[in-house]
Amino acid sequence: MTREAGRGGGPEERAVLLVAGLADLAVSAMSSALGTARGLLRRSDTAALAADAEHDLLARGRLVLDRYTAVPPAHLEILARHAEARRTADDI
């Protein structure tokens, strides 16, 4: 498996390389997260930091729910409202 990156390998080799790349990415992300956690535990304002993080997560969750659960109005309903607004504007 010491082929150059430009060469194509078989499907098995590609699968092994993909799994190895994902594993390396996961390990580096975990080590970065552990380093960040160690730094946070040394801080004196950990409680305030946790409260800020909770507030941010709640706001982010609210935005996600609003984005995916809000049902847009029907297209014909919008057209009917525009037509009604024009009619009332013409009557004035």
N, C-alpha and C. Protein backbone atom coordinates (compact mmCIF):
# COMPACT_ATOMS: atom_id res chain seq x y z
N MET A 1 0.82 -1.20 0.00
CA MET A 1 0.00 0.00 0.00
C MET A 1 0.85 1.26 0.00
N THR A 2 2.01 1.15 -0.61
CA THR A 2 2.87 2.33 -0.69
C THR A 2 2.80 2.96 -2.05
N ARG A 3 1.71 2.81 -2.73
CA ARG A 3 1.53 3.43 -4.04
C ARG A 3 1.41 4.92 -3.90
N GLU A 4 1.67 5.61 -4.99
CA GLU A 4 1.51 7.07 -4.98
C GLU A 4 0.04 7.43 -4.92
N ALA A 5 -0.26 8.62 -4.43
CA ALA A 5 -1.66 9.04 -4.26
C ALA A 5 -2.38 9.18 -5.59
N GLY A 6 -1.65 9.46 -6.67
CA GLY A 6 -2.28 9.65 -7.96
C GLY A 6 -2.77 8.36 -8.60
N ARG A 7 -2.20 7.25 -8.23
CA ARG A 7 -2.59 5.97 -8.81
C ARG A 7 -3.86 5.45 -8.16
N GLY A 8 -4.66 4.81 -8.95
CA GLY A 8 -5.88 4.22 -8.41
C GLY A 8 -5.59 2.79 -7.96
N GLY A 9 -6.12 2.39 -6.86
CA GLY A 9 -5.97 1.04 -6.38
C GLY A 9 -7.27 0.30 -6.55
N GLY A 10 -7.26 -0.91 -6.06
CA GLY A 10 -8.49 -1.68 -6.10
C GLY A 10 -9.48 -1.16 -5.08
N PRO A 11 -10.70 -1.65 -5.11
CA PRO A 11 -11.71 -1.18 -4.15
C PRO A 11 -11.33 -1.50 -2.70
N GLU A 12 -10.63 -2.63 -2.50
CA GLU A 12 -10.23 -2.97 -1.13
C GLU A 12 -9.21 -1.97 -0.60
N GLU A 13 -8.25 -1.61 -1.47
CA GLU A 13 -7.23 -0.66 -1.05
C GLU A 13 -7.85 0.71 -0.78
N ARG A 14 -8.78 1.12 -1.62
CA ARG A 14 -9.45 2.40 -1.40
C ARG A 14 -10.22 2.40 -0.09
N ALA A 15 -10.89 1.27 0.21
CA ALA A 15 -11.65 1.18 1.46
C ALA A 15 -10.72 1.26 2.66
N VAL A 16 -9.57 0.57 2.59
CA VAL A 16 -8.61 0.62 3.69
C VAL A 16 -8.07 2.02 3.87
N LEU A 17 -7.75 2.68 2.77
CA LEU A 17 -7.23 4.05 2.86
C LEU A 17 -8.28 5.00 3.42
N LEU A 18 -9.54 4.83 3.02
CA LEU A 18 -10.61 5.68 3.56
C LEU A 18 -10.78 5.47 5.07
N VAL A 19 -10.77 4.22 5.49
CA VAL A 19 -10.93 3.92 6.92
C VAL A 19 -9.74 4.47 7.70
N ALA A 20 -8.53 4.32 7.15
CA ALA A 20 -7.35 4.84 7.84
C ALA A 20 -7.41 6.36 7.94
N GLY A 21 -7.85 7.01 6.87
CA GLY A 21 -7.97 8.47 6.91
C GLY A 21 -9.01 8.93 7.92
N LEU A 22 -10.14 8.23 7.96
CA LEU A 22 -11.18 8.58 8.94
C LEU A 22 -10.70 8.35 10.37
N ALA A 23 -9.97 7.27 10.58
CA ALA A 23 -9.45 6.98 11.92
C ALA A 23 -8.46 8.06 12.34
N ASP A 24 -7.58 8.49 11.43
CA ASP A 24 -6.63 9.54 11.75
C ASP A 24 -7.34 10.85 12.06
N LEU A 25 -8.37 11.16 11.28
CA LEU A 25 -9.15 12.37 11.53
C LEU A 25 -9.83 12.31 12.90
N ALA A 26 -10.39 11.16 13.24
CA ALA A 26 -11.05 11.01 14.54
C ALA A 26 -10.06 11.15 15.68
N VAL A 27 -8.88 10.56 15.55
CA VAL A 27 -7.87 10.65 16.60
C VAL A 27 -7.41 12.08 16.78
N SER A 28 -7.16 12.79 15.69
CA SER A 28 -6.71 14.17 15.82
C SER A 28 -7.81 15.05 16.41
N ALA A 29 -9.07 14.80 16.05
CA ALA A 29 -10.17 15.58 16.61
C ALA A 29 -10.32 15.30 18.11
N MET A 30 -10.18 14.04 18.49
CA MET A 30 -10.29 13.69 19.91
C MET A 30 -9.15 14.31 20.71
N SER A 31 -7.93 14.28 20.18
CA SER A 31 -6.81 14.86 20.92
C SER A 31 -6.97 16.37 21.04
N SER A 32 -7.49 16.99 20.01
CA SER A 32 -7.75 18.42 20.08
C SER A 32 -8.84 18.73 21.12
N ALA A 33 -9.89 17.91 21.12
CA ALA A 33 -10.97 18.12 22.09
C ALA A 33 -10.48 17.90 23.51
N LEU A 34 -9.63 16.90 23.73
CA LEU A 34 -9.10 16.66 25.07
C LEU A 34 -8.21 17.82 25.52
N GLY A 35 -7.42 18.35 24.62
CA GLY A 35 -6.59 19.50 24.97
C GLY A 35 -7.43 20.71 25.33
N THR A 36 -8.49 20.92 24.59
CA THR A 36 -9.41 22.02 24.89
C THR A 36 -10.09 21.80 26.24
N ALA A 37 -10.51 20.56 26.52
CA ALA A 37 -11.17 20.26 27.80
C ALA A 37 -10.21 20.48 28.96
N ARG A 38 -8.96 20.08 28.81
CA ARG A 38 -7.98 20.31 29.88
C ARG A 38 -7.81 21.80 30.14
N GLY A 39 -7.74 22.58 29.05
CA GLY A 39 -7.61 24.02 29.21
C GLY A 39 -8.81 24.63 29.89
N LEU A 40 -10.00 24.13 29.58
CA LEU A 40 -11.22 24.67 30.20
C LEU A 40 -11.30 24.32 31.67
N LEU A 41 -10.84 23.13 32.05
CA LEU A 41 -10.89 22.74 33.45
C LEU A 41 -9.95 23.56 34.32
N ARG A 42 -8.93 24.14 33.73
CA ARG A 42 -7.98 24.96 34.49
C ARG A 42 -8.49 26.38 34.70
N ARG A 43 -9.54 26.76 34.02
CA ARG A 43 -10.04 28.12 34.12
C ARG A 43 -10.80 28.33 35.42
N SER A 44 -10.82 29.55 35.90
CA SER A 44 -11.54 29.84 37.14
C SER A 44 -13.00 30.18 36.88
N ASP A 45 -13.34 30.54 35.66
CA ASP A 45 -14.71 30.92 35.34
C ASP A 45 -15.44 29.80 34.59
N THR A 46 -15.21 28.57 35.00
CA THR A 46 -15.78 27.42 34.31
C THR A 46 -17.31 27.43 34.37
N ALA A 47 -17.88 27.83 35.51
CA ALA A 47 -19.34 27.84 35.64
C ALA A 47 -19.97 28.85 34.69
N ALA A 48 -19.39 30.02 34.59
CA ALA A 48 -19.91 31.04 33.68
C ALA A 48 -19.73 30.60 32.23
N LEU A 49 -18.62 29.95 31.95
CA LEU A 49 -18.37 29.46 30.61
C LEU A 49 -19.37 28.37 30.23
N ALA A 50 -19.68 27.49 31.17
CA ALA A 50 -20.67 26.44 30.92
C ALA A 50 -22.06 27.04 30.71
N ALA A 51 -22.40 28.08 31.48
CA ALA A 51 -23.70 28.74 31.31
C ALA A 51 -23.80 29.40 29.93
N ASP A 52 -22.70 30.04 29.51
CA ASP A 52 -22.69 30.64 28.17
C ASP A 52 -22.83 29.58 27.09
N ALA A 53 -22.15 28.46 27.26
CA ALA A 53 -22.23 27.37 26.28
C ALA A 53 -23.65 26.82 26.22
N GLU A 54 -24.29 26.68 27.38
CA GLU A 54 -25.67 26.18 27.40
C GLU A 54 -26.60 27.16 26.68
N HIS A 55 -26.41 28.45 26.93
CA HIS A 55 -27.23 29.48 26.27
C HIS A 55 -27.04 29.41 24.75
N ASP A 56 -25.80 29.30 24.32
CA ASP A 56 -25.52 29.22 22.89
C ASP A 56 -26.13 27.97 22.27
N LEU A 57 -26.06 26.84 22.96
CA LEU A 57 -26.64 25.60 22.44
C LEU A 57 -28.16 25.68 22.36
N LEU A 58 -28.78 26.30 23.34
CA LEU A 58 -30.23 26.48 23.29
C LEU A 58 -30.64 27.36 22.11
N ALA A 59 -29.90 28.45 21.89
CA ALA A 59 -30.21 29.33 20.77
C ALA A 59 -30.00 28.61 19.44
N ARG A 60 -28.93 27.84 19.37
CA ARG A 60 -28.65 27.10 18.14
C ARG A 60 -29.74 26.05 17.88
N GLY A 61 -30.17 25.36 18.93
CA GLY A 61 -31.25 24.38 18.79
C GLY A 61 -32.54 25.02 18.35
N ARG A 62 -32.84 26.20 18.89
CA ARG A 62 -34.05 26.92 18.50
C ARG A 62 -34.00 27.29 17.01
N LEU A 63 -32.84 27.74 16.56
CA LEU A 63 -32.69 28.09 15.14
C LEU A 63 -32.87 26.88 14.23
N VAL A 64 -32.30 25.74 14.64
CA VAL A 64 -32.43 24.52 13.84
C VAL A 64 -33.88 24.08 13.77
N LEU A 65 -34.56 24.09 14.90
CA LEU A 65 -35.96 23.68 14.89
C LEU A 65 -36.82 24.62 14.07
N ASP A 66 -36.55 25.92 14.17
CA ASP A 66 -37.30 26.88 13.37
C ASP A 66 -37.05 26.67 11.88
N ARG A 67 -35.82 26.33 11.54
CA ARG A 67 -35.47 26.16 10.14
C ARG A 67 -36.15 24.93 9.53
N TYR A 68 -36.23 23.85 10.30
CA TYR A 68 -36.72 22.60 9.71
C TYR A 68 -38.17 22.28 10.04
N THR A 69 -38.77 22.95 11.02
CA THR A 69 -40.15 22.62 11.36
C THR A 69 -41.15 23.65 10.86
N ALA A 70 -40.69 24.84 10.50
CA ALA A 70 -41.61 25.86 10.02
C ALA A 70 -42.10 25.48 8.62
N VAL A 71 -43.39 25.45 8.46
CA VAL A 71 -43.99 25.12 7.17
C VAL A 71 -44.27 26.42 6.44
N PRO A 72 -43.71 26.59 5.25
CA PRO A 72 -43.98 27.82 4.52
C PRO A 72 -45.43 27.86 4.05
N PRO A 73 -45.99 29.06 3.88
CA PRO A 73 -47.38 29.15 3.42
C PRO A 73 -47.50 28.63 1.99
N ALA A 74 -48.68 28.17 1.65
CA ALA A 74 -48.94 27.63 0.31
C ALA A 74 -48.78 28.73 -0.74
N HIS A 75 -48.30 28.35 -1.89
CA HIS A 75 -48.04 29.30 -2.97
C HIS A 75 -49.31 30.02 -3.41
N LEU A 76 -50.38 29.27 -3.56
CA LEU A 76 -51.64 29.89 -3.98
C LEU A 76 -52.19 30.83 -2.93
N GLU A 77 -51.94 30.52 -1.67
CA GLU A 77 -52.37 31.41 -0.59
C GLU A 77 -51.64 32.74 -0.69
N ILE A 78 -50.37 32.70 -0.99
CA ILE A 78 -49.59 33.94 -1.14
C ILE A 78 -50.12 34.75 -2.31
N LEU A 79 -50.38 34.08 -3.43
CA LEU A 79 -50.92 34.79 -4.60
C LEU A 79 -52.28 35.41 -4.28
N ALA A 80 -53.13 34.70 -3.55
CA ALA A 80 -54.44 35.23 -3.20
C ALA A 80 -54.30 36.46 -2.30
N ARG A 81 -53.36 36.45 -1.38
CA ARG A 81 -53.16 37.61 -0.51
C ARG A 81 -52.67 38.81 -1.31
N HIS A 82 -51.78 38.58 -2.28
CA HIS A 82 -51.31 39.68 -3.12
C HIS A 82 -52.46 40.26 -3.96
N ALA A 83 -53.28 39.38 -4.51
CA ALA A 83 -54.42 39.85 -5.31
C ALA A 83 -55.38 40.65 -4.44
N GLU A 84 -55.65 40.19 -3.24
CA GLU A 84 -56.54 40.91 -2.31
C GLU A 84 -55.95 42.26 -1.94
N ALA A 85 -54.64 42.32 -1.74
CA ALA A 85 -53.99 43.58 -1.39
C ALA A 85 -54.08 44.55 -2.55
N ARG A 86 -53.94 44.07 -3.78
CA ARG A 86 -54.09 44.95 -4.95
C ARG A 86 -55.49 45.48 -5.07
N ARG A 87 -56.48 44.61 -4.85
CA ARG A 87 -57.87 45.05 -4.94
C ARG A 87 -58.18 46.12 -3.92
N THR A 88 -57.72 45.94 -2.71
CA THR A 88 -58.00 46.95 -1.69
C THR A 88 -57.22 48.24 -1.97
N ALA A 89 -56.03 48.13 -2.57
CA ALA A 89 -55.26 49.33 -2.92
C ALA A 89 -55.95 50.08 -4.06
N ASP A 90 -56.56 49.35 -4.99
CA ASP A 90 -57.26 50.00 -6.10
C ASP A 90 -58.55 50.68 -5.63
N ASP A 91 -59.17 50.14 -4.57
CA ASP A 91 -60.42 50.71 -4.07
C ASP A 91 -60.16 52.02 -3.31
N ILE A 92 -58.99 52.23 -2.86
CA ILE A 92 -58.69 53.43 -2.05
C ILE A 92 -58.51 54.61 -2.89
